[in-house]
Amino acid sequence: MSWTLIFVLAGGVALQRLVGMFAGGAVLARVPVFARLAALIPAAVVAAVIVQLTFASGKSLQVDPRLAGMVVAGVLVWKKAPIVLVILSAAVVTALLRLIGG
């Protein structure tokens, strides 16, 4: 990759951020669907990071008891359980499966 390409890409990112900073609010105010979608972005990013940290092991996927903990947590979040219950339940399920599995 050449330095010219790196500078062009960096300039494009900076320009995109400037346009979003000055025009983004106006677009979100005029198009309510964009505002609702923009509100979901932080949750999607956090979910993606959690999944990546849970299942990635180097360049491969790793399925272990953490998957069961994530499933339990997902179901409890879907059922709108308190966050403390979600965390403790996922931890207990993961720990029990690790004890059983050796």
N, C-alpha and C. Protein backbone atom coordinates (compact mmCIF):
# COMPACT_ATOMS: atom_id res chain seq x y z
N MET A 1 0.85 -1.17 0.00
CA MET A 1 0.00 0.00 0.00
C MET A 1 0.90 1.23 0.00
N SER A 2 0.59 2.17 -0.86
CA SER A 2 1.45 3.34 -0.99
C SER A 2 1.01 4.43 -0.01
N TRP A 3 1.94 5.34 0.25
CA TRP A 3 1.65 6.47 1.13
C TRP A 3 0.57 7.36 0.54
N THR A 4 0.54 7.47 -0.76
CA THR A 4 -0.49 8.30 -1.39
C THR A 4 -1.88 7.75 -1.08
N LEU A 5 -2.04 6.45 -1.20
CA LEU A 5 -3.32 5.83 -0.89
C LEU A 5 -3.69 6.02 0.58
N ILE A 6 -2.73 5.88 1.46
CA ILE A 6 -2.98 6.08 2.89
C ILE A 6 -3.46 7.50 3.16
N PHE A 7 -2.81 8.50 2.55
CA PHE A 7 -3.21 9.89 2.75
C PHE A 7 -4.59 10.17 2.15
N VAL A 8 -4.88 9.58 0.99
CA VAL A 8 -6.20 9.76 0.37
C VAL A 8 -7.29 9.17 1.26
N LEU A 9 -7.05 7.97 1.76
CA LEU A 9 -8.03 7.33 2.65
C LEU A 9 -8.21 8.11 3.94
N ALA A 10 -7.12 8.59 4.53
CA ALA A 10 -7.21 9.39 5.76
C ALA A 10 -7.98 10.68 5.50
N GLY A 11 -7.74 11.32 4.37
CA GLY A 11 -8.49 12.52 4.02
C GLY A 11 -9.96 12.24 3.81
N GLY A 12 -10.27 11.10 3.20
CA GLY A 12 -11.67 10.72 3.00
C GLY A 12 -12.38 10.48 4.32
N VAL A 13 -11.71 9.84 5.26
CA VAL A 13 -12.31 9.60 6.58
C VAL A 13 -12.55 10.93 7.29
N ALA A 14 -11.56 11.83 7.22
CA ALA A 14 -11.72 13.14 7.86
C ALA A 14 -12.88 13.91 7.23
N LEU A 15 -12.99 13.88 5.92
CA LEU A 15 -14.08 14.56 5.23
C LEU A 15 -15.43 13.95 5.59
N GLN A 16 -15.48 12.65 5.68
CA GLN A 16 -16.72 11.97 6.06
C GLN A 16 -17.15 12.38 7.47
N ARG A 17 -16.20 12.48 8.38
CA ARG A 17 -16.51 12.89 9.75
C ARG A 17 -17.01 14.33 9.79
N LEU A 18 -16.39 15.20 9.02
CA LEU A 18 -16.83 16.59 8.98
C LEU A 18 -18.24 16.71 8.42
N VAL A 19 -18.51 16.01 7.34
CA VAL A 19 -19.86 16.05 6.75
C VAL A 19 -20.88 15.51 7.74
N GLY A 20 -20.54 14.42 8.40
CA GLY A 20 -21.46 13.86 9.40
C GLY A 20 -21.68 14.79 10.58
N MET A 21 -20.64 15.52 10.96
CA MET A 21 -20.75 16.43 12.09
C MET A 21 -21.66 17.61 11.77
N PHE A 22 -21.54 18.14 10.55
CA PHE A 22 -22.31 19.34 10.20
C PHE A 22 -23.66 19.03 9.57
N ALA A 23 -23.76 17.95 8.81
CA ALA A 23 -25.01 17.65 8.11
C ALA A 23 -25.78 16.50 8.75
N GLY A 24 -25.14 15.74 9.61
CA GLY A 24 -25.78 14.56 10.19
C GLY A 24 -27.01 14.87 11.00
N GLY A 25 -26.96 15.92 11.82
CA GLY A 25 -28.11 16.29 12.65
C GLY A 25 -29.30 16.69 11.82
N ALA A 26 -29.06 17.42 10.73
CA ALA A 26 -30.16 17.85 9.87
C ALA A 26 -30.82 16.65 9.18
N VAL A 27 -30.01 15.71 8.74
CA VAL A 27 -30.56 14.52 8.08
C VAL A 27 -31.35 13.69 9.08
N LEU A 28 -30.81 13.52 10.29
CA LEU A 28 -31.51 12.74 11.30
C LEU A 28 -32.82 13.41 11.72
N ALA A 29 -32.85 14.74 11.71
CA ALA A 29 -34.07 15.45 12.09
C ALA A 29 -35.15 15.31 11.02
N ARG A 30 -34.74 15.25 9.75
CA ARG A 30 -35.72 15.16 8.66
C ARG A 30 -36.18 13.74 8.38
N VAL A 31 -35.34 12.76 8.66
CA VAL A 31 -35.69 11.36 8.35
C VAL A 31 -35.68 10.57 9.66
N PRO A 32 -36.85 10.38 10.26
CA PRO A 32 -36.91 9.70 11.57
C PRO A 32 -36.38 8.27 11.54
N VAL A 33 -36.46 7.59 10.40
CA VAL A 33 -35.95 6.22 10.31
C VAL A 33 -34.44 6.21 10.55
N PHE A 34 -33.73 7.19 9.99
CA PHE A 34 -32.28 7.29 10.21
C PHE A 34 -31.97 7.54 11.68
N ALA A 35 -32.79 8.34 12.35
CA ALA A 35 -32.57 8.62 13.77
C ALA A 35 -32.73 7.35 14.59
N ARG A 36 -33.75 6.55 14.27
CA ARG A 36 -33.95 5.29 15.01
C ARG A 36 -32.81 4.31 14.74
N LEU A 37 -32.35 4.26 13.49
CA LEU A 37 -31.24 3.37 13.16
C LEU A 37 -29.94 3.83 13.82
N ALA A 38 -29.72 5.12 13.86
CA ALA A 38 -28.51 5.65 14.49
C ALA A 38 -28.48 5.35 15.98
N ALA A 39 -29.65 5.29 16.60
CA ALA A 39 -29.72 4.97 18.02
C ALA A 39 -29.34 3.52 18.30
N LEU A 40 -29.44 2.65 17.30
CA LEU A 40 -29.12 1.23 17.49
C LEU A 40 -27.64 0.91 17.28
N ILE A 41 -26.89 1.82 16.69
CA ILE A 41 -25.48 1.55 16.35
C ILE A 41 -24.63 1.21 17.57
N PRO A 42 -24.69 1.98 18.68
CA PRO A 42 -23.85 1.61 19.83
C PRO A 42 -24.11 0.20 20.35
N ALA A 43 -25.37 -0.19 20.44
CA ALA A 43 -25.70 -1.54 20.93
C ALA A 43 -25.16 -2.61 19.98
N ALA A 44 -25.24 -2.36 18.69
CA ALA A 44 -24.74 -3.33 17.71
C ALA A 44 -23.22 -3.47 17.81
N VAL A 45 -22.53 -2.37 18.01
CA VAL A 45 -21.07 -2.41 18.13
C VAL A 45 -20.66 -3.17 19.39
N VAL A 46 -21.32 -2.89 20.50
CA VAL A 46 -21.01 -3.60 21.75
C VAL A 46 -21.29 -5.09 21.60
N ALA A 47 -22.40 -5.44 20.99
CA ALA A 47 -22.72 -6.86 20.78
C ALA A 47 -21.68 -7.54 19.90
N ALA A 48 -21.24 -6.87 18.86
CA ALA A 48 -20.23 -7.45 17.97
C ALA A 48 -18.91 -7.67 18.70
N VAL A 49 -18.52 -6.73 19.55
CA VAL A 49 -17.28 -6.89 20.31
C VAL A 49 -17.40 -8.05 21.30
N ILE A 50 -18.54 -8.16 21.96
CA ILE A 50 -18.73 -9.26 22.92
C ILE A 50 -18.66 -10.61 22.20
N VAL A 51 -19.32 -10.73 21.07
CA VAL A 51 -19.29 -11.99 20.32
C VAL A 51 -17.87 -12.31 19.86
N GLN A 52 -17.17 -11.31 19.35
CA GLN A 52 -15.81 -11.54 18.87
C GLN A 52 -14.89 -11.98 20.01
N LEU A 53 -15.01 -11.34 21.16
CA LEU A 53 -14.15 -11.71 22.29
C LEU A 53 -14.53 -13.07 22.87
N THR A 54 -15.78 -13.46 22.71
CA THR A 54 -16.22 -14.74 23.26
C THR A 54 -15.82 -15.92 22.38
N PHE A 55 -15.93 -15.77 21.08
CA PHE A 55 -15.77 -16.92 20.20
C PHE A 55 -14.47 -16.96 19.40
N ALA A 56 -13.73 -15.88 19.33
CA ALA A 56 -12.51 -15.88 18.52
C ALA A 56 -11.32 -16.34 19.37
N SER A 57 -10.53 -17.20 18.77
CA SER A 57 -9.29 -17.65 19.38
C SER A 57 -8.23 -17.59 18.28
N GLY A 58 -7.52 -16.49 18.21
CA GLY A 58 -6.58 -16.29 17.12
C GLY A 58 -7.35 -16.08 15.84
N LYS A 59 -7.13 -16.97 14.86
CA LYS A 59 -7.84 -16.87 13.58
C LYS A 59 -8.93 -17.93 13.44
N SER A 60 -9.30 -18.57 14.53
CA SER A 60 -10.32 -19.61 14.45
C SER A 60 -11.43 -19.33 15.45
N LEU A 61 -12.55 -20.00 15.25
CA LEU A 61 -13.67 -19.90 16.17
C LEU A 61 -13.55 -20.98 17.22
N GLN A 62 -13.96 -20.65 18.42
CA GLN A 62 -13.86 -21.58 19.53
C GLN A 62 -15.25 -21.69 20.18
N VAL A 63 -15.81 -22.89 20.17
CA VAL A 63 -17.11 -23.12 20.81
C VAL A 63 -16.84 -23.89 22.09
N ASP A 64 -17.20 -23.29 23.21
CA ASP A 64 -16.97 -23.89 24.52
C ASP A 64 -18.12 -23.50 25.44
N PRO A 65 -18.02 -23.74 26.74
CA PRO A 65 -19.13 -23.42 27.64
C PRO A 65 -19.56 -21.94 27.64
N ARG A 66 -18.71 -21.08 27.16
CA ARG A 66 -19.11 -19.66 27.10
C ARG A 66 -20.30 -19.47 26.18
N LEU A 67 -20.44 -20.33 25.16
CA LEU A 67 -21.58 -20.24 24.26
C LEU A 67 -22.89 -20.43 25.02
N ALA A 68 -22.93 -21.41 25.91
CA ALA A 68 -24.14 -21.64 26.70
C ALA A 68 -24.43 -20.43 27.60
N GLY A 69 -23.38 -19.85 28.17
CA GLY A 69 -23.58 -18.65 28.98
C GLY A 69 -24.14 -17.50 28.17
N MET A 70 -23.65 -17.35 26.94
CA MET A 70 -24.16 -16.29 26.07
C MET A 70 -25.62 -16.54 25.70
N VAL A 71 -25.97 -17.80 25.45
CA VAL A 71 -27.36 -18.13 25.11
C VAL A 71 -28.28 -17.82 26.29
N VAL A 72 -27.87 -18.20 27.48
CA VAL A 72 -28.66 -17.91 28.68
C VAL A 72 -28.82 -16.40 28.85
N ALA A 73 -27.73 -15.68 28.70
CA ALA A 73 -27.79 -14.22 28.83
C ALA A 73 -28.71 -13.61 27.77
N GLY A 74 -28.61 -14.10 26.54
CA GLY A 74 -29.46 -13.58 25.47
C GLY A 74 -30.93 -13.81 25.74
N VAL A 75 -31.28 -15.00 26.22
CA VAL A 75 -32.68 -15.30 26.53
C VAL A 75 -33.18 -14.42 27.67
N LEU A 76 -32.35 -14.25 28.69
CA LEU A 76 -32.78 -13.42 29.83
C LEU A 76 -32.91 -11.94 29.44
N VAL A 77 -32.03 -11.46 28.58
CA VAL A 77 -32.16 -10.08 28.11
C VAL A 77 -33.43 -9.94 27.28
N TRP A 78 -33.70 -10.93 26.45
CA TRP A 78 -34.91 -10.92 25.63
C TRP A 78 -36.16 -10.89 26.51
N LYS A 79 -36.11 -11.59 27.64
CA LYS A 79 -37.24 -11.62 28.58
C LYS A 79 -37.23 -10.42 29.53
N LYS A 80 -36.29 -9.49 29.32
CA LYS A 80 -36.19 -8.26 30.10
C LYS A 80 -35.91 -8.51 31.59
N ALA A 81 -35.03 -9.46 31.86
CA ALA A 81 -34.62 -9.75 33.23
C ALA A 81 -33.65 -8.66 33.70
N PRO A 82 -33.55 -8.46 35.01
CA PRO A 82 -32.58 -7.48 35.53
C PRO A 82 -31.15 -7.87 35.15
N ILE A 83 -30.32 -6.87 34.90
CA ILE A 83 -28.97 -7.11 34.39
C ILE A 83 -28.13 -7.94 35.37
N VAL A 84 -28.34 -7.76 36.66
CA VAL A 84 -27.59 -8.55 37.64
C VAL A 84 -27.93 -10.03 37.50
N LEU A 85 -29.21 -10.34 37.31
CA LEU A 85 -29.63 -11.72 37.10
C LEU A 85 -29.05 -12.29 35.81
N VAL A 86 -29.00 -11.48 34.76
CA VAL A 86 -28.44 -11.91 33.48
C VAL A 86 -26.97 -12.29 33.65
N ILE A 87 -26.20 -11.42 34.27
CA ILE A 87 -24.76 -11.66 34.44
C ILE A 87 -24.50 -12.86 35.33
N LEU A 88 -25.19 -12.93 36.45
CA LEU A 88 -24.97 -14.05 37.38
C LEU A 88 -25.39 -15.38 36.75
N SER A 89 -26.51 -15.40 36.05
CA SER A 89 -26.97 -16.65 35.42
C SER A 89 -25.99 -17.13 34.36
N ALA A 90 -25.53 -16.22 33.53
CA ALA A 90 -24.56 -16.59 32.50
C ALA A 90 -23.27 -17.11 33.12
N ALA A 91 -22.82 -16.48 34.18
CA ALA A 91 -21.59 -16.92 34.84
C ALA A 91 -21.76 -18.29 35.48
N VAL A 92 -22.90 -18.51 36.12
CA VAL A 92 -23.14 -19.80 36.78
C VAL A 92 -23.23 -20.92 35.75
N VAL A 93 -23.96 -20.71 34.66
CA VAL A 93 -24.08 -21.74 33.62
C VAL A 93 -22.72 -22.06 33.03
N THR A 94 -21.94 -21.02 32.72
CA THR A 94 -20.61 -21.24 32.16
C THR A 94 -19.72 -22.01 33.13
N ALA A 95 -19.74 -21.62 34.41
CA ALA A 95 -18.90 -22.28 35.41
C ALA A 95 -19.31 -23.73 35.60
N LEU A 96 -20.61 -24.00 35.67
CA LEU A 96 -21.06 -25.38 35.84
C LEU A 96 -20.68 -26.26 34.67
N LEU A 97 -20.81 -25.74 33.47
CA LEU A 97 -20.43 -26.54 32.30
C LEU A 97 -18.92 -26.77 32.24
N ARG A 98 -18.15 -25.81 32.70
CA ARG A 98 -16.69 -26.02 32.75
C ARG A 98 -16.34 -27.07 33.79
N LEU A 99 -17.05 -27.08 34.93
CA LEU A 99 -16.79 -28.10 35.95
C LEU A 99 -17.17 -29.49 35.44
N ILE A 100 -18.31 -29.59 34.79
CA ILE A 100 -18.77 -30.88 34.28
C ILE A 100 -17.85 -31.38 33.17
N GLY A 101 -17.43 -30.45 32.30
CA GLY A 101 -16.60 -30.85 31.16
C GLY A 101 -15.16 -31.15 31.52
N GLY A 102 -14.75 -30.78 32.68
CA GLY A 102 -13.39 -31.13 33.10
C GLY A 102 -12.49 -30.00 32.93
